[in-house]
Amino acid sequence: MQKKMRAMLGGAMLALVAAQAQAANYATCILDKAPGAVNDIAAQAVHQVCLKANPGAIQAVPQGSGRGLMGYNSGAECVVAKAKDTRSNQAAAMIGVSCRRLYDEPNPFSDPNFGKDLQK
């Protein structure tokens, strides 16, 4: 009985973490919904859905915020994994921008907001 309770609690915690990790910002929303888009109309709809849920769009996503133990090592690695089966050029471009924003390291020479607290 105690093992079942632990398993149920563990499953509930995993589901909670997965729900929070899914579409936490515009870039993750794009990466959840755009891969596999077969035309630009579908890609535009993905953009509209993600923009409605995340009004700040890609500008509100901190550079490199997806980096970590469970993330990709680079934006290029993410693009290869996420865009390889996407026929829509627009969706593939949105995936590329999102991957690079999440997984490429911040560059203090190209980011005017590097080191600034943007959450004020």
PDB file of N, CA and C in Angstrom:
ATOM      1  N   MET A   1       0.824  -1.192   0.000  1.00  0.00           N
ATOM      2  CA  MET A   1       0.000   0.000   0.000  1.00  0.00           C
ATOM      3  C   MET A   1       0.869   1.257   0.000  1.00  0.00           C
ATOM      4  N   GLN A   2       1.923   1.227   0.816  1.00  0.00           N
ATOM      5  CA  GLN A   2       2.797   2.386   0.913  1.00  0.00           C
ATOM      6  C   GLN A   2       3.561   2.596  -0.402  1.00  0.00           C
ATOM      7  N   LYS A   3       3.923   1.510  -1.085  1.00  0.00           N
ATOM      8  CA  LYS A   3       4.616   1.625  -2.367  1.00  0.00           C
ATOM      9  C   LYS A   3       3.712   2.269  -3.410  1.00  0.00           C
ATOM     10  N   LYS A   4       2.424   1.905  -3.402  1.00  0.00           N
ATOM     11  CA  LYS A   4       1.475   2.498  -4.346  1.00  0.00           C
ATOM     12  C   LYS A   4       1.334   3.989  -4.099  1.00  0.00           C
ATOM     13  N   MET A   5       1.280   4.373  -2.837  1.00  0.00           N
ATOM     14  CA  MET A   5       1.150   5.790  -2.488  1.00  0.00           C
ATOM     15  C   MET A   5       2.381   6.566  -2.944  1.00  0.00           C
ATOM     16  N   ARG A   6       3.551   5.988  -2.740  1.00  0.00           N
ATOM     17  CA  ARG A   6       4.787   6.649  -3.174  1.00  0.00           C
ATOM     18  C   ARG A   6       4.825   6.780  -4.693  1.00  0.00           C
ATOM     19  N   ALA A   7       4.418   5.729  -5.375  1.00  0.00           N
ATOM     20  CA  ALA A   7       4.401   5.763  -6.836  1.00  0.00           C
ATOM     21  C   ALA A   7       3.422   6.818  -7.340  1.00  0.00           C
ATOM     22  N   MET A   8       2.257   6.895  -6.716  1.00  0.00           N
ATOM     23  CA  MET A   8       1.264   7.893  -7.123  1.00  0.00           C
ATOM     24  C   MET A   8       1.761   9.302  -6.835  1.00  0.00           C
ATOM     25  N   LEU A   9       2.381   9.503  -5.680  1.00  0.00           N
ATOM     26  CA  LEU A   9       2.914  10.809  -5.326  1.00  0.00           C
ATOM     27  C   LEU A   9       4.042  11.199  -6.277  1.00  0.00           C
ATOM     28  N   GLY A  10       4.913  10.236  -6.586  1.00  0.00           N
ATOM     29  CA  GLY A  10       5.999  10.499  -7.529  1.00  0.00           C
ATOM     30  C   GLY A  10       5.471  10.849  -8.909  1.00  0.00           C
ATOM     31  N   GLY A  11       4.453  10.133  -9.357  1.00  0.00           N
ATOM     32  CA  GLY A  11       3.849  10.428 -10.658  1.00  0.00           C
ATOM     33  C   GLY A  11       3.193  11.790 -10.681  1.00  0.00           C
ATOM     34  N   ALA A  12       2.533  12.148  -9.593  1.00  0.00           N
ATOM     35  CA  ALA A  12       1.895  13.463  -9.512  1.00  0.00           C
ATOM     36  C   ALA A  12       2.934  14.575  -9.528  1.00  0.00           C
ATOM     37  N   MET A  13       4.040  14.383  -8.819  1.00  0.00           N
ATOM     38  CA  MET A  13       5.107  15.390  -8.803  1.00  0.00           C
ATOM     39  C   MET A  13       5.738  15.527 -10.185  1.00  0.00           C
ATOM     40  N   LEU A  14       5.959  14.409 -10.855  1.00  0.00           N
ATOM     41  CA  LEU A  14       6.529  14.437 -12.196  1.00  0.00           C
ATOM     42  C   LEU A  14       5.603  15.167 -13.161  1.00  0.00           C
ATOM     43  N   ALA A  15       4.317  14.903 -13.073  1.00  0.00           N
ATOM     44  CA  ALA A  15       3.348  15.580 -13.929  1.00  0.00           C
ATOM     45  C   ALA A  15       3.328  17.074 -13.650  1.00  0.00           C
ATOM     46  N   LEU A  16       3.443  17.463 -12.396  1.00  0.00           N
ATOM     47  CA  LEU A  16       3.457  18.876 -12.037  1.00  0.00           C
ATOM     48  C   LEU A  16       4.687  19.566 -12.603  1.00  0.00           C
ATOM     49  N   VAL A  17       5.839  18.940 -12.463  1.00  0.00           N
ATOM     50  CA  VAL A  17       7.074  19.515 -12.997  1.00  0.00           C
ATOM     51  C   VAL A  17       7.001  19.607 -14.514  1.00  0.00           C
ATOM     52  N   ALA A  18       6.502  18.570 -15.170  1.00  0.00           N
ATOM     53  CA  ALA A  18       6.393  18.579 -16.634  1.00  0.00           C
ATOM     54  C   ALA A  18       5.433  19.663 -17.095  1.00  0.00           C
ATOM     55  N   ALA A  19       4.345  19.866 -16.391  1.00  0.00           N
ATOM     56  CA  ALA A  19       3.382  20.900 -16.768  1.00  0.00           C
ATOM     57  C   ALA A  19       3.992  22.282 -16.629  1.00  0.00           C
ATOM     58  N   GLN A  20       4.805  22.492 -15.602  1.00  0.00           N
ATOM     59  CA  GLN A  20       5.442  23.783 -15.420  1.00  0.00           C
ATOM     60  C   GLN A  20       6.532  24.004 -16.455  1.00  0.00           C
ATOM     61  N   ALA A  21       7.246  22.955 -16.832  1.00  0.00           N
ATOM     62  CA  ALA A  21       8.335  23.084 -17.786  1.00  0.00           C
ATOM     63  C   ALA A  21       7.816  23.321 -19.198  1.00  0.00           C
ATOM     64  N   GLN A  22       6.623  22.873 -19.477  1.00  0.00           N
ATOM     65  CA  GLN A  22       6.072  22.992 -20.814  1.00  0.00           C
ATOM     66  C   GLN A  22       5.573  24.410 -21.058  1.00  0.00           C
ATOM     67  N   ALA A  23       6.054  25.033 -22.113  1.00  0.00           N
ATOM     68  CA  ALA A  23       5.621  26.358 -22.544  1.00  0.00           C
ATOM     69  C   ALA A  23       5.733  27.396 -21.437  1.00  0.00           C
ATOM     70  N   ALA A  24       6.899  27.456 -20.800  1.00  0.00           N
ATOM     71  CA  ALA A  24       7.141  28.440 -19.751  1.00  0.00           C
ATOM     72  C   ALA A  24       7.319  29.838 -20.325  1.00  0.00           C
ATOM     73  N   ASN A  25       7.647  29.939 -21.606  1.00  0.00           N
ATOM     74  CA  ASN A  25       7.812  31.236 -22.261  1.00  0.00           C
ATOM     75  C   ASN A  25       7.555  31.056 -23.765  1.00  0.00           C
ATOM     76  N   TYR A  26       7.684  32.138 -24.503  1.00  0.00           N
ATOM     77  CA  TYR A  26       7.398  32.113 -25.937  1.00  0.00           C
ATOM     78  C   TYR A  26       8.266  31.075 -26.666  1.00  0.00           C
ATOM     79  N   ALA A  27       9.553  31.048 -26.356  1.00  0.00           N
ATOM     80  CA  ALA A  27      10.465  30.140 -27.060  1.00  0.00           C
ATOM     81  C   ALA A  27      10.115  28.679 -26.801  1.00  0.00           C
ATOM     82  N   THR A  28       9.821  28.336 -25.561  1.00  0.00           N
ATOM     83  CA  THR A  28       9.464  26.946 -25.273  1.00  0.00           C
ATOM     84  C   THR A  28       8.115  26.593 -25.877  1.00  0.00           C
ATOM     85  N   CYS A  29       7.219  27.564 -25.958  1.00  0.00           N
ATOM     86  CA  CYS A  29       5.931  27.335 -26.623  1.00  0.00           C
ATOM     87  C   CYS A  29       6.159  26.998 -28.100  1.00  0.00           C
ATOM     88  N   ILE A  30       7.008  27.774 -28.759  1.00  0.00           N
ATOM     89  CA  ILE A  30       7.329  27.515 -30.172  1.00  0.00           C
ATOM     90  C   ILE A  30       7.928  26.119 -30.321  1.00  0.00           C
ATOM     91  N   LEU A  31       8.855  25.766 -29.439  1.00  0.00           N
ATOM     92  CA  LEU A  31       9.503  24.455 -29.540  1.00  0.00           C
ATOM     93  C   LEU A  31       8.552  23.311 -29.225  1.00  0.00           C
ATOM     94  N   ASP A  32       7.506  23.586 -28.474  1.00  0.00           N
ATOM     95  CA  ASP A  32       6.491  22.561 -28.199  1.00  0.00           C
ATOM     96  C   ASP A  32       5.549  22.364 -29.379  1.00  0.00           C
ATOM     97  N   LYS A  33       5.196  23.460 -30.073  1.00  0.00           N
ATOM     98  CA  LYS A  33       4.109  23.412 -31.052  1.00  0.00           C
ATOM     99  C   LYS A  33       4.540  23.455 -32.524  1.00  0.00           C
ATOM    100  N   ALA A  34       5.685  24.052 -32.839  1.00  0.00           N
ATOM    101  CA  ALA A  34       6.060  24.252 -34.244  1.00  0.00           C
ATOM    102  C   ALA A  34       6.698  23.045 -34.943  1.00  0.00           C
ATOM    103  N   PRO A  35       7.471  22.200 -34.246  1.00  0.00           N
ATOM    104  CA  PRO A  35       8.083  21.079 -34.972  1.00  0.00           C
ATOM    105  C   PRO A  35       7.039  20.218 -35.689  1.00  0.00           C
ATOM    106  N   GLY A  36       7.337  19.908 -36.936  1.00  0.00           N
ATOM    107  CA  GLY A  36       6.418  19.091 -37.725  1.00  0.00           C
ATOM    108  C   GLY A  36       5.388  19.888 -38.504  1.00  0.00           C
ATOM    109  N   ALA A  37       5.376  21.221 -38.350  1.00  0.00           N
ATOM    110  CA  ALA A  37       4.422  22.039 -39.109  1.00  0.00           C
ATOM    111  C   ALA A  37       4.683  21.844 -40.598  1.00  0.00           C
ATOM    112  N   VAL A  38       3.620  21.581 -41.353  1.00  0.00           N
ATOM    113  CA  VAL A  38       3.801  21.263 -42.769  1.00  0.00           C
ATOM    114  C   VAL A  38       3.594  22.461 -43.688  1.00  0.00           C
ATOM    115  N   ASN A  39       3.055  23.561 -43.171  1.00  0.00           N
ATOM    116  CA  ASN A  39       2.883  24.740 -44.021  1.00  0.00           C
ATOM    117  C   ASN A  39       2.970  26.010 -43.189  1.00  0.00           C
ATOM    118  N   ASP A  40       3.104  27.139 -43.882  1.00  0.00           N
ATOM    119  CA  ASP A  40       3.290  28.414 -43.200  1.00  0.00           C
ATOM    120  C   ASP A  40       2.028  28.909 -42.506  1.00  0.00           C
ATOM    121  N   ILE A  41       0.863  28.474 -42.950  1.00  0.00           N
ATOM    122  CA  ILE A  41      -0.388  28.846 -42.275  1.00  0.00           C
ATOM    123  C   ILE A  41      -0.400  28.242 -40.872  1.00  0.00           C
ATOM    124  N   ALA A  42      -0.008  26.994 -40.767  1.00  0.00           N
ATOM    125  CA  ALA A  42       0.079  26.349 -39.447  1.00  0.00           C
ATOM    126  C   ALA A  42       1.134  27.032 -38.584  1.00  0.00           C
ATOM    127  N   ALA A  43       2.255  27.403 -39.189  1.00  0.00           N
ATOM    128  CA  ALA A  43       3.312  28.087 -38.439  1.00  0.00           C
ATOM    129  C   ALA A  43       2.824  29.431 -37.907  1.00  0.00           C
ATOM    130  N   GLN A  44       2.074  30.163 -38.717  1.00  0.00           N
ATOM    131  CA  GLN A  44       1.532  31.452 -38.272  1.00  0.00           C
ATOM    132  C   GLN A  44       0.554  31.251 -37.117  1.00  0.00           C
ATOM    133  N   ALA A  45      -0.233  30.198 -37.168  1.00  0.00           N
ATOM    134  CA  ALA A  45      -1.164  29.900 -36.074  1.00  0.00           C
ATOM    135  C   ALA A  45      -0.398  29.572 -34.787  1.00  0.00           C
ATOM    136  N   VAL A  46       0.700  28.842 -34.907  1.00  0.00           N
ATOM    137  CA  VAL A  46       1.538  28.548 -33.739  1.00  0.00           C
ATOM    138  C   VAL A  46       2.049  29.853 -33.139  1.00  0.00           C
ATOM    139  N   HIS A  47       2.529  30.746 -33.996  1.00  0.00           N
ATOM    140  CA  HIS A  47       3.016  32.053 -33.528  1.00  0.00           C
ATOM    141  C   HIS A  47       1.917  32.803 -32.777  1.00  0.00           C
ATOM    142  N   GLN A  48       0.708  32.824 -33.319  1.00  0.00           N
ATOM    143  CA  GLN A  48      -0.402  33.536 -32.683  1.00  0.00           C
ATOM    144  C   GLN A  48      -0.750  32.935 -31.326  1.00  0.00           C
ATOM    145  N   VAL A  49      -0.799  31.615 -31.245  1.00  0.00           N
ATOM    146  CA  VAL A  49      -1.116  30.940 -29.977  1.00  0.00           C
ATOM    147  C   VAL A  49      -0.038  31.242 -28.932  1.00  0.00           C
ATOM    148  N   CYS A  50       1.216  31.134 -29.326  1.00  0.00           N
ATOM    149  CA  CYS A  50       2.316  31.370 -28.384  1.00  0.00           C
ATOM    150  C   CYS A  50       2.405  32.836 -27.977  1.00  0.00           C
ATOM    151  N   LEU A  51       2.135  33.739 -28.914  1.00  0.00           N
ATOM    152  CA  LEU A  51       2.170  35.165 -28.601  1.00  0.00           C
ATOM    153  C   LEU A  51       1.045  35.546 -27.648  1.00  0.00           C
ATOM    154  N   LYS A  52      -0.121  34.943 -27.821  1.00  0.00           N
ATOM    155  CA  LYS A  52      -1.236  35.224 -26.918  1.00  0.00           C
ATOM    156  C   LYS A  52      -0.912  34.758 -25.499  1.00  0.00           C
ATOM    157  N   ALA A  53      -0.276  33.608 -25.379  1.00  0.00           N
ATOM    158  CA  ALA A  53       0.082  33.073 -24.062  1.00  0.00           C
ATOM    159  C   ALA A  53       1.296  33.779 -23.455  1.00  0.00           C
ATOM    160  N   ASN A  54       2.139  34.363 -24.316  1.00  0.00           N
ATOM    161  CA  ASN A  54       3.388  35.008 -23.877  1.00  0.00           C
ATOM    162  C   ASN A  54       3.559  36.324 -24.622  1.00  0.00           C
ATOM    163  N   PRO A  55       2.860  37.391 -24.196  1.00  0.00           N
ATOM    164  CA  PRO A  55       2.841  38.649 -24.950  1.00  0.00           C
ATOM    165  C   PRO A  55       4.209  39.298 -25.171  1.00  0.00           C
ATOM    166  N   GLY A  56       5.198  38.989 -24.360  1.00  0.00           N
ATOM    167  CA  GLY A  56       6.524  39.574 -24.542  1.00  0.00           C
ATOM    168  C   GLY A  56       7.286  38.982 -25.707  1.00  0.00           C
ATOM    169  N   ALA A  57       6.783  37.897 -26.266  1.00  0.00           N
ATOM    170  CA  ALA A  57       7.395  37.188 -27.399  1.00  0.00           C
ATOM    171  C   ALA A  57       8.846  36.806 -27.096  1.00  0.00           C
ATOM    172  N   ILE A  58       9.658  36.720 -28.126  1.00  0.00           N
ATOM    173  CA  ILE A  58      11.039  36.236 -27.980  1.00  0.00           C
ATOM    174  C   ILE A  58      11.900  37.228 -27.199  1.00  0.00           C
ATOM    175  N   GLN A  59      11.545  38.524 -27.239  1.00  0.00           N
ATOM    176  CA  GLN A  59      12.330  39.540 -26.539  1.00  0.00           C
ATOM    177  C   GLN A  59      12.299  39.343 -25.024  1.00  0.00           C
ATOM    178  N   ALA A  60      11.257  38.712 -24.507  1.00  0.00           N
ATOM    179  CA  ALA A  60      11.127  38.497 -23.062  1.00  0.00           C
ATOM    180  C   ALA A  60      11.868  37.253 -22.580  1.00  0.00           C
ATOM    181  N   VAL A  61      12.435  36.493 -23.495  1.00  0.00           N
ATOM    182  CA  VAL A  61      13.150  35.263 -23.129  1.00  0.00           C
ATOM    183  C   VAL A  61      14.628  35.599 -22.939  1.00  0.00           C
ATOM    184  N   PRO A  62      15.163  35.413 -21.740  1.00  0.00           N
ATOM    185  CA  PRO A  62      16.581  35.711 -21.516  1.00  0.00           C
ATOM    186  C   PRO A  62      17.488  34.807 -22.357  1.00  0.00           C
ATOM    187  N   GLN A  63      18.511  35.405 -22.943  1.00  0.00           N
ATOM    188  CA  GLN A  63      19.466  34.653 -23.754  1.00  0.00           C
ATOM    189  C   GLN A  63      20.123  33.568 -22.910  1.00  0.00           C
ATOM    190  N   GLY A  64      20.105  32.333 -23.410  1.00  0.00           N
ATOM    191  CA  GLY A  64      20.753  31.218 -22.735  1.00  0.00           C
ATOM    192  C   GLY A  64      19.963  30.624 -21.585  1.00  0.00           C
ATOM    193  N   SER A  65      18.707  31.014 -21.440  1.00  0.00           N
ATOM    194  CA  SER A  65      17.920  30.577 -20.280  1.00  0.00           C
ATOM    195  C   SER A  65      17.552  29.095 -20.301  1.00  0.00           C
ATOM    196  N   GLY A  66      17.732  28.419 -21.423  1.00  0.00           N
ATOM    197  CA  GLY A  66      17.428  26.991 -21.489  1.00  0.00           C
ATOM    198  C   GLY A  66      18.624  26.104 -21.193  1.00  0.00           C
ATOM    199  N   ARG A  67      19.789  26.719 -21.029  1.00  0.00           N
ATOM    200  CA  ARG A  67      21.006  25.940 -20.794  1.00  0.00           C
ATOM    201  C   ARG A  67      20.953  25.276 -19.426  1.00  0.00           C
ATOM    202  N   GLY A  68      21.509  24.095 -19.338  1.00  0.00           N
ATOM    203  CA  GLY A  68      21.540  23.367 -18.073  1.00  0.00           C
ATOM    204  C   GLY A  68      21.773  21.891 -18.319  1.00  0.00           C
ATOM    205  N   LEU A  69      21.609  21.116 -17.285  1.00  0.00           N
ATOM    206  CA  LEU A  69      21.878  19.681 -17.385  1.00  0.00           C
ATOM    207  C   LEU A  69      20.952  18.964 -18.346  1.00  0.00           C
ATOM    208  N   MET A  70      19.692  19.373 -18.397  1.00  0.00           N
ATOM    209  CA  MET A  70      18.715  18.664 -19.217  1.00  0.00           C
ATOM    210  C   MET A  70      18.515  19.299 -20.594  1.00  0.00           C
ATOM    211  N   GLY A  71      19.171  20.433 -20.871  1.00  0.00           N
ATOM    212  CA  GLY A  71      18.976  21.126 -22.131  1.00  0.00           C
ATOM    213  C   GLY A  71      19.986  20.704 -23.188  1.00  0.00           C
ATOM    214  N   TYR A  72      19.859  21.330 -24.347  1.00  0.00           N
ATOM    215  CA  TYR A  72      20.814  21.094 -25.430  1.00  0.00           C
ATOM    216  C   TYR A  72      22.106  21.842 -25.129  1.00  0.00           C
ATOM    217  N   ASN A  73      23.197  21.428 -25.763  1.00  0.00           N
ATOM    218  CA  ASN A  73      24.488  22.078 -25.560  1.00  0.00           C
ATOM    219  C   ASN A  73      24.620  23.367 -26.347  1.00  0.00           C
ATOM    220  N   SER A  74      23.818  23.513 -27.403  1.00  0.00           N
ATOM    221  CA  SER A  74      23.891  24.713 -28.236  1.00  0.00           C
ATOM    222  C   SER A  74      22.572  24.901 -28.970  1.00  0.00           C
ATOM    223  N   GLY A  75      22.408  26.099 -29.511  1.00  0.00           N
ATOM    224  CA  GLY A  75      21.228  26.368 -30.322  1.00  0.00           C
ATOM    225  C   GLY A  75      21.197  25.499 -31.566  1.00  0.00           C
ATOM    226  N   ALA A  76      22.358  25.284 -32.171  1.00  0.00           N
ATOM    227  CA  ALA A  76      22.429  24.472 -33.389  1.00  0.00           C
ATOM    228  C   ALA A  76      21.994  23.033 -33.121  1.00  0.00           C
ATOM    229  N   GLU A  77      22.407  22.488 -31.983  1.00  0.00           N
ATOM    230  CA  GLU A  77      22.011  21.123 -31.622  1.00  0.00           C
ATOM    231  C   GLU A  77      20.491  21.033 -31.463  1.00  0.00           C
ATOM    232  N   CYS A  78      19.904  22.044 -30.868  1.00  0.00           N
ATOM    233  CA  CYS A  78      18.446  22.102 -30.703  1.00  0.00           C
ATOM    234  C   CYS A  78      17.752  22.175 -32.062  1.00  0.00           C
ATOM    235  N   VAL A  79      18.269  23.018 -32.961  1.00  0.00           N
ATOM    236  CA  VAL A  79      17.665  23.164 -34.291  1.00  0.00           C
ATOM    237  C   VAL A  79      17.677  21.835 -35.037  1.00  0.00           C
ATOM    238  N   VAL A  80      18.787  21.134 -34.984  1.00  0.00           N
ATOM    239  CA  VAL A  80      18.875  19.833 -35.658  1.00  0.00           C
ATOM    240  C   VAL A  80      17.805  18.886 -35.123  1.00  0.00           C
ATOM    241  N   ALA A  81      17.648  18.852 -33.820  1.00  0.00           N
ATOM    242  CA  ALA A  81      16.682  17.931 -33.210  1.00  0.00           C
ATOM    243  C   ALA A  81      15.237  18.339 -33.470  1.00  0.00           C
ATOM    244  N   LYS A  82      14.955  19.640 -33.415  1.00  0.00           N
ATOM    245  CA  LYS A  82      13.565  20.103 -33.463  1.00  0.00           C
ATOM    246  C   LYS A  82      13.053  20.408 -34.872  1.00  0.00           C
ATOM    247  N   ALA A  83      13.922  20.853 -35.776  1.00  0.00           N
ATOM    248  CA  ALA A  83      13.449  21.316 -37.084  1.00  0.00           C
ATOM    249  C   ALA A  83      13.645  20.317 -38.214  1.00  0.00           C
ATOM    250  N   LYS A  84      14.237  19.180 -37.945  1.00  0.00           N
ATOM    251  CA  LYS A  84      14.588  18.266 -39.038  1.00  0.00           C
ATOM    252  C   LYS A  84      13.388  17.732 -39.806  1.00  0.00           C
ATOM    253  N   ASP A  85      12.235  17.597 -39.176  1.00  0.00           N
ATOM    254  CA  ASP A  85      11.046  17.080 -39.859  1.00  0.00           C
ATOM    255  C   ASP A  85       9.997  18.161 -40.108  1.00  0.00           C
ATOM    256  N   THR A  86      10.403  19.420 -40.070  1.00  0.00           N
ATOM    257  CA  THR A  86       9.475  20.539 -40.241  1.00  0.00           C
ATOM    258  C   THR A  86       9.542  21.028 -41.679  1.00  0.00           C
ATOM    259  N   ARG A  87       8.435  20.908 -42.411  1.00  0.00           N
ATOM    260  CA  ARG A  87       8.421  21.288 -43.824  1.00  0.00           C
ATOM    261  C   ARG A  87       8.220  22.783 -44.021  1.00  0.00           C
ATOM    262  N   SER A  88       7.562  23.440 -43.090  1.00  0.00           N
ATOM    263  CA  SER A  88       7.314  24.872 -43.205  1.00  0.00           C
ATOM    264  C   SER A  88       8.597  25.658 -42.945  1.00  0.00           C
ATOM    265  N   ASN A  89       8.984  26.500 -43.913  1.00  0.00           N
ATOM    266  CA  ASN A  89      10.170  27.339 -43.729  1.00  0.00           C
ATOM    267  C   ASN A  89       9.975  28.325 -42.587  1.00  0.00           C
ATOM    268  N   GLN A  90       8.765  28.865 -42.462  1.00  0.00           N
ATOM    269  CA  GLN A  90       8.486  29.822 -41.392  1.00  0.00           C
ATOM    270  C   GLN A  90       8.610  29.141 -40.025  1.00  0.00           C
ATOM    271  N   ALA A  91       8.066  27.955 -39.883  1.00  0.00           N
ATOM    272  CA  ALA A  91       8.168  27.223 -38.616  1.00  0.00           C
ATOM    273  C   ALA A  91       9.624  26.881 -38.309  1.00  0.00           C
ATOM    274  N   ALA A  92      10.371  26.468 -39.325  1.00  0.00           N
ATOM    275  CA  ALA A  92      11.778  26.142 -39.119  1.00  0.00           C
ATOM    276  C   ALA A  92      12.560  27.372 -38.665  1.00  0.00           C
ATOM    277  N   ALA A  93      12.251  28.534 -39.236  1.00  0.00           N
ATOM    278  CA  ALA A  93      12.917  29.772 -38.819  1.00  0.00           C
ATOM    279  C   ALA A  93      12.562  30.125 -37.377  1.00  0.00           C
ATOM    280  N   MET A  94      11.288  29.969 -37.006  1.00  0.00           N
ATOM    281  CA  MET A  94      10.869  30.255 -35.628  1.00  0.00           C
ATOM    282  C   MET A  94      11.551  29.294 -34.653  1.00  0.00           C
ATOM    283  N   ILE A  95      11.692  28.045 -35.047  1.00  0.00           N
ATOM    284  CA  ILE A  95      12.387  27.059 -34.214  1.00  0.00           C
ATOM    285  C   ILE A  95      13.849  27.466 -34.048  1.00  0.00           C
ATOM    286  N   GLY A  96      14.475  27.883 -35.144  1.00  0.00           N
ATOM    287  CA  GLY A  96      15.875  28.307 -35.084  1.00  0.00           C
ATOM    288  C   GLY A  96      16.091  29.480 -34.145  1.00  0.00           C
ATOM    289  N   VAL A  97      15.239  30.483 -34.235  1.00  0.00           N
ATOM    290  CA  VAL A  97      15.347  31.655 -33.359  1.00  0.00           C
ATOM    291  C   VAL A  97      15.148  31.242 -31.904  1.00  0.00           C
ATOM    292  N   SER A  98      14.145  30.412 -31.657  1.00  0.00           N
ATOM    293  CA  SER A  98      13.854  29.973 -30.287  1.00  0.00           C
ATOM    294  C   SER A  98      14.998  29.137 -29.715  1.00  0.00           C
ATOM    295  N   CYS A  99      15.526  28.221 -30.511  1.00  0.00           N
ATOM    296  CA  CYS A  99      16.638  27.385 -30.051  1.00  0.00           C
ATOM    297  C   CYS A  99      17.864  28.226 -29.718  1.00  0.00           C
ATOM    298  N   ARG A 100      18.171  29.157 -30.587  1.00  0.00           N
ATOM    299  CA  ARG A 100      19.356  29.984 -30.354  1.00  0.00           C
ATOM    300  C   ARG A 100      19.178  30.889 -29.137  1.00  0.00           C
ATOM    301  N   ARG A 101      17.964  31.377 -28.921  1.00  0.00           N
ATOM    302  CA  ARG A 101      17.711  32.219 -27.745  1.00  0.00           C
ATOM    303  C   ARG A 101      17.846  31.401 -26.461  1.00  0.00           C
ATOM    304  N   LEU A 102      17.325  30.193 -26.467  1.00  0.00           N
ATOM    305  CA  LEU A 102      17.346  29.374 -25.254  1.00  0.00           C
ATOM    306  C   LEU A 102      18.706  28.741 -24.967  1.00  0.00           C
ATOM    307  N   TYR A 103      19.423  28.302 -26.003  1.00  0.00           N
ATOM    308  CA  TYR A 103      20.579  27.438 -25.769  1.00  0.00           C
ATOM    309  C   TYR A 103      21.935  28.016 -26.151  1.00  0.00           C
ATOM    310  N   ASP A 104      21.993  29.108 -26.889  1.00  0.00           N
ATOM    311  CA  ASP A 104      23.290  29.724 -27.154  1.00  0.00           C
ATOM    312  C   ASP A 104      23.688  30.577 -25.954  1.00  0.00           C
ATOM    313  N   GLU A 105      24.985  30.611 -25.673  1.00  0.00           N
ATOM    314  CA  GLU A 105      25.470  31.373 -24.529  1.00  0.00           C
ATOM    315  C   GLU A 105      25.250  32.868 -24.751  1.00  0.00           C
ATOM    316  N   PRO A 106      24.984  33.598 -23.675  1.00  0.00           N
ATOM    317  CA  PRO A 106      24.861  35.054 -23.804  1.00  0.00           C
ATOM    318  C   PRO A 106      26.196  35.649 -24.252  1.00  0.00           C
ATOM    319  N   ASN A 107      26.132  36.649 -25.108  1.00  0.00           N
ATOM    320  CA  ASN A 107      27.326  37.329 -25.597  1.00  0.00           C
ATOM    321  C   ASN A 107      27.283  38.774 -25.113  1.00  0.00           C
ATOM    322  N   PRO A 108      28.157  39.156 -24.199  1.00  0.00           N
ATOM    323  CA  PRO A 108      28.098  40.512 -23.657  1.00  0.00           C
ATOM    324  C   PRO A 108      28.376  41.594 -24.695  1.00  0.00           C
ATOM    325  N   PHE A 109      28.975  41.241 -25.830  1.00  0.00           N
ATOM    326  CA  PHE A 109      29.292  42.237 -26.842  1.00  0.00           C
ATOM    327  C   PHE A 109      28.140  42.498 -27.806  1.00  0.00           C
ATOM    328  N   SER A 110      27.192  41.564 -27.892  1.00  0.00           N
ATOM    329  CA  SER A 110      26.075  41.760 -28.816  1.00  0.00           C
ATOM    330  C   SER A 110      24.746  41.975 -28.106  1.00  0.00           C
ATOM    331  N   ASP A 111      24.714  41.827 -26.795  1.00  0.00           N
ATOM    332  CA  ASP A 111      23.471  41.984 -26.042  1.00  0.00           C
ATOM    333  C   ASP A 111      23.546  43.248 -25.188  1.00  0.00           C
ATOM    334  N   PRO A 112      22.808  44.300 -25.572  1.00  0.00           N
ATOM    335  CA  PRO A 112      22.872  45.548 -24.802  1.00  0.00           C
ATOM    336  C   PRO A 112      22.320  45.410 -23.388  1.00  0.00           C
ATOM    337  N   ASN A 113      21.555  44.365 -23.121  1.00  0.00           N
ATOM    338  CA  ASN A 113      20.980  44.159 -21.791  1.00  0.00           C
ATOM    339  C   ASN A 113      21.771  43.168 -20.950  1.00  0.00           C
ATOM    340  N   PHE A 114      22.943  42.749 -21.426  1.00  0.00           N
ATOM    341  CA  PHE A 114      23.733  41.760 -20.699  1.00  0.00           C
ATOM    342  C   PHE A 114      24.075  42.291 -19.308  1.00  0.00           C
ATOM    343  N   GLY A 115      23.748  41.509 -18.299  1.00  0.00           N
ATOM    344  CA  GLY A 115      24.057  41.880 -16.925  1.00  0.00           C
ATOM    345  C   GLY A 115      23.025  42.760 -16.258  1.00  0.00           C
ATOM    346  N   LYS A 116      22.021  43.207 -16.991  1.00  0.00           N
ATOM    347  CA  LYS A 116      20.987  44.062 -16.409  1.00  0.00           C
ATOM    348  C   LYS A 116      19.837  43.211 -15.895  1.00  0.00           C
ATOM    349  N   ASP A 117      19.207  43.667 -14.828  1.00  0.00           N
ATOM    350  CA  ASP A 117      18.029  42.992 -14.289  1.00  0.00           C
ATOM    351  C   ASP A 117      16.812  43.509 -15.044  1.00  0.00           C
ATOM    352  N   LEU A 118      16.242  42.692 -15.924  1.00  0.00           N
ATOM    353  CA  LEU A 118      15.123  43.113 -16.765  1.00  0.00           C
ATOM    354  C   LEU A 118      13.777  42.827 -16.126  1.00  0.00           C
ATOM    355  N   GLN A 119      13.764  42.288 -14.921  1.00  0.00           N
ATOM    356  CA  GLN A 119      12.509  41.910 -14.277  1.00  0.00           C
ATOM    357  C   GLN A 119      11.905  43.042 -13.451  1.00  0.00           C
ATOM    358  N   LYS A 120      12.484  44.217 -13.445  1.00  0.00           N
ATOM    359  CA  LYS A 120      11.971  45.350 -12.653  1.00  0.00           C
ATOM    360  C   LYS A 120      10.710  45.917 -13.227  1.00  0.00           C
TER     361      LYS A 120
END
